[in-house]
Protein backbone atom coordinates (compact mmCIF):
# COMPACT_ATOMS: atom_id res chain seq x y z
CA MET A 1 0.00 0.00 0.00
CA LEU A 2 1.17 3.49 -0.79
CA PRO A 3 1.88 5.84 2.13
CA VAL A 4 -0.87 8.23 3.22
CA ARG A 5 0.18 11.72 4.30
CA VAL A 6 -1.99 14.09 6.33
CA ALA A 7 -1.08 17.77 6.26
CA HIS A 8 -2.79 21.08 6.90
CA THR A 9 -3.14 23.45 3.95
CA ALA A 10 -0.63 25.77 5.66
CA ASP A 11 1.98 22.99 5.65
CA LEU A 12 1.74 22.22 1.93
CA ASP A 13 3.98 24.00 -0.50
CA SER A 14 2.70 25.47 -3.76
CA ALA A 15 3.80 22.39 -5.74
CA ALA A 16 1.73 20.06 -3.53
CA LEU A 17 -1.31 22.33 -3.80
CA THR A 18 -0.86 22.57 -7.57
CA ASP A 19 -0.67 18.76 -7.79
CA ALA A 20 -3.86 18.41 -5.74
CA ARG A 21 -5.75 20.92 -7.87
CA ARG A 22 -4.52 19.25 -11.06
CA LEU A 23 -5.69 15.83 -9.82
CA LEU A 24 -9.13 17.20 -8.93
CA ASP A 25 -9.40 18.94 -12.30
CA GLU A 26 -8.51 15.65 -14.03
CA VAL A 27 -10.89 13.45 -12.02
CA PHE A 28 -13.85 15.85 -12.00
CA ALA A 29 -13.45 17.43 -15.46
CA PRO A 30 -15.22 19.46 -16.64
CA ASP A 31 -17.13 20.17 -13.40
CA MET A 32 -14.32 21.25 -11.03
CA THR A 33 -14.61 24.98 -10.25
CA ASP A 34 -12.47 27.51 -8.41
CA GLU A 35 -15.09 27.51 -5.63
CA ASP A 36 -14.85 23.72 -5.37
CA TRP A 37 -11.10 24.05 -4.93
CA GLU A 38 -11.57 26.84 -2.38
CA HIS A 39 -13.79 24.48 -0.36
CA CYS A 40 -10.85 22.06 -0.04
CA LEU A 41 -8.57 24.64 1.58
CA GLY A 42 -8.02 25.60 5.20
CA GLY A 43 -8.19 22.15 6.74
CA LEU A 44 -6.43 18.83 6.52
CA HIS A 45 -5.47 17.18 3.25
CA ILE A 46 -5.07 13.44 2.91
CA LEU A 47 -2.56 12.80 0.14
CA VAL A 48 -1.40 9.58 -1.48
CA ARG A 49 1.64 9.63 -3.75
CA ASP A 50 3.23 6.96 -5.87
CA GLY A 51 6.75 8.28 -5.93
CA ALA A 52 6.50 11.93 -6.92
CA GLU A 53 3.08 11.51 -8.50
CA LEU A 54 -0.08 12.43 -6.56
CA VAL A 55 -2.67 9.68 -7.12
CA GLY A 56 -5.16 10.40 -4.31
CA HIS A 57 -6.53 13.41 -2.42
CA ALA A 58 -9.22 14.17 0.13
CA ALA A 59 -9.73 17.14 2.44
CA VAL A 60 -11.45 17.61 5.78
CA VAL A 61 -12.46 21.18 6.57
CA GLN A 62 -14.35 22.48 9.57
CA ARG A 63 -17.90 23.68 9.05
CA ARG A 64 -20.91 24.27 11.26
CA LEU A 65 -24.03 22.27 10.50
CA LEU A 66 -27.19 23.04 12.44
CA HIS A 67 -29.30 20.13 13.63
CA GLY A 68 -31.66 19.56 16.50
CA GLY A 69 -31.13 23.02 17.94
CA ARG A 70 -27.34 22.69 17.97
CA ALA A 71 -24.46 24.00 15.90
CA LEU A 72 -22.36 20.91 15.30
CA ARG A 73 -18.61 21.18 14.71
CA THR A 74 -18.44 19.19 11.51
CA GLY A 75 -15.55 17.68 9.59
CA TYR A 76 -16.81 18.27 6.07
CA VAL A 77 -15.17 16.11 3.43
CA GLU A 78 -14.20 17.68 0.11
CA GLY A 79 -12.22 16.79 -2.98
CA VAL A 80 -12.12 13.01 -2.63
CA ALA A 81 -10.40 11.81 -5.78
CA VAL A 82 -8.25 8.94 -6.96
CA ARG A 83 -6.62 9.05 -10.36
CA ALA A 84 -8.63 6.92 -12.79
CA ASP A 85 -5.85 4.42 -13.48
CA ARG A 86 -5.33 3.85 -9.73
CA GLN A 87 -8.94 3.31 -8.65
CA ARG A 88 -10.07 0.08 -6.98
CA ARG A 89 -6.65 -0.53 -5.41
CA GLY A 90 -7.42 0.57 -1.84
CA ILE A 91 -6.24 4.17 -2.15
CA GLY A 92 -9.70 5.66 -1.60
CA ALA A 93 -10.35 3.28 1.30
CA ALA A 94 -7.06 4.28 2.95
CA MET A 95 -7.89 7.97 2.55
CA MET A 96 -11.38 7.52 4.00
CA ALA A 97 -9.95 5.60 6.97
CA GLU A 98 -7.85 8.70 7.70
CA VAL A 99 -10.91 10.91 7.24
CA ALA A 100 -12.78 8.80 9.82
CA ARG A 101 -9.84 8.90 12.23
CA ILE A 102 -9.62 12.68 11.96
CA ALA A 103 -13.38 13.10 12.34
CA ARG A 104 -13.59 10.88 15.40
CA GLY A 105 -10.78 12.78 17.08
CA ALA A 106 -11.91 16.33 16.34
CA TYR A 107 -15.57 16.69 15.39
CA ASP A 108 -19.15 16.16 16.51
CA LEU A 109 -20.10 14.95 13.04
CA ALA A 110 -18.58 14.21 9.66
CA ALA A 111 -20.50 14.97 6.47
CA LEU A 112 -20.06 15.05 2.71
CA GLY A 113 -21.97 15.49 -0.51
CA SER A 114 -21.79 12.42 -2.73
CA THR A 115 -22.24 11.74 -6.40
CA ASP A 116 -24.57 8.86 -7.25
CA THR A 117 -21.67 6.69 -8.42
CA ALA A 118 -19.76 7.13 -5.12
CA VAL A 119 -22.66 6.20 -2.82
CA PRO A 120 -21.70 2.48 -2.46
CA PHE A 121 -18.10 3.49 -1.71
CA TYR A 122 -19.23 5.69 1.20
CA THR A 123 -21.99 3.46 2.57
CA ASP A 124 -19.60 0.49 2.62
CA ARG A 125 -17.52 2.59 5.05
CA GLY A 126 -20.34 3.39 7.45
CA TRP A 127 -21.55 6.69 5.99
CA GLN A 128 -25.31 7.05 6.21
CA PRO A 129 -27.64 8.98 3.93
CA TRP A 130 -29.26 12.05 5.43
CA GLN A 131 -32.98 11.34 5.08
CA GLY A 132 -34.33 14.68 6.21
CA ARG A 133 -34.55 18.04 4.50
CA THR A 134 -31.49 20.18 3.78
CA PHE A 135 -31.12 23.93 4.08
CA ALA A 136 -28.45 26.62 3.84
CA LEU A 137 -27.90 29.52 6.20
CA THR A 138 -27.54 32.23 3.52
CA PRO A 139 -26.91 35.97 3.89
CA ASP A 140 -30.68 36.32 3.31
CA GLY A 141 -31.67 33.78 5.98
CA VAL A 142 -32.28 30.04 6.00
CA ARG A 143 -33.13 28.73 2.53
CA ARG A 144 -34.23 25.27 1.47
CA THR A 145 -31.84 23.22 -0.72
CA PRO A 146 -34.11 20.42 -1.99
CA GLU A 147 -31.68 19.50 -4.79
CA GLU A 148 -29.29 18.24 -2.09
CA ASP A 149 -31.78 16.16 -0.11
CA ASP A 150 -30.62 12.80 -1.45
CA GLY A 151 -26.92 13.57 -1.74
CA ILE A 152 -25.73 14.30 1.79
CA TYR A 153 -24.08 11.56 3.83
CA VAL A 154 -22.99 11.64 7.45
CA LEU A 155 -20.70 9.64 9.65
CA PRO A 156 -22.39 9.82 13.04
CA LEU A 157 -19.94 10.34 15.87
CA ALA A 158 -20.61 11.40 19.47
CA VAL A 159 -23.71 13.55 19.02
CA PRO A 160 -27.10 11.84 18.69
CA LEU A 161 -28.69 12.55 15.31
CA ASP A 162 -32.17 12.28 13.90
CA LEU A 163 -31.32 11.35 10.31
CA THR A 164 -34.87 12.29 9.27
CA GLY A 165 -34.62 15.79 10.76
CA ASP A 166 -33.56 19.04 9.16
CA LEU A 167 -29.90 19.80 8.47
CA VAL A 168 -28.66 23.34 7.81
CA ALA A 169 -25.24 24.12 6.32
CA ASP A 170 -23.29 27.27 7.00
CA TRP A 171 -22.88 29.64 4.06
CA ARG A 172 -20.03 29.59 1.54
CA ASP A 173 -19.59 30.74 -2.03
CA GLY A 174 -20.26 28.26 -4.81
CA GLU A 175 -22.17 25.12 -3.93
CA VAL A 176 -23.23 25.31 -0.30
CA TRP A 177 -23.22 21.57 0.15
């Protein structure tokens, strides 16, 4: 298995950040945006290299999600990508094991937005679909985000959750979830 490195954005040099952005652009083309990249910054990056080549990336950034009358310190997962020719070799699983370790040690909850094709990958690792309604805390107040209702997954940690309840994400530019 290839080594997994965990580093804060502040501890990565420009070459490492450029490699991560390039990998995300490649894996998510043509849908990767500058806002999507921005969402990956400011937290921990999980990086997998084969020699000098970056073949896997994930990020865990802190967000606040509101649920059940509480603001939950949430490890929000962004930019999970494995280079196409390296998929199904355990790289994604190793990265998500690190994500779970980080989340369990630092957060009330872990959450992510999933594509339809990635759902089995996440559910096989204990992530559960959010069954309730989703919202965003926007500059204009709380707004419904029905297009996200079936795409949010959580890794329950220490805080009891009602998976059928409402979940509100803090505001950010680009896609809120």
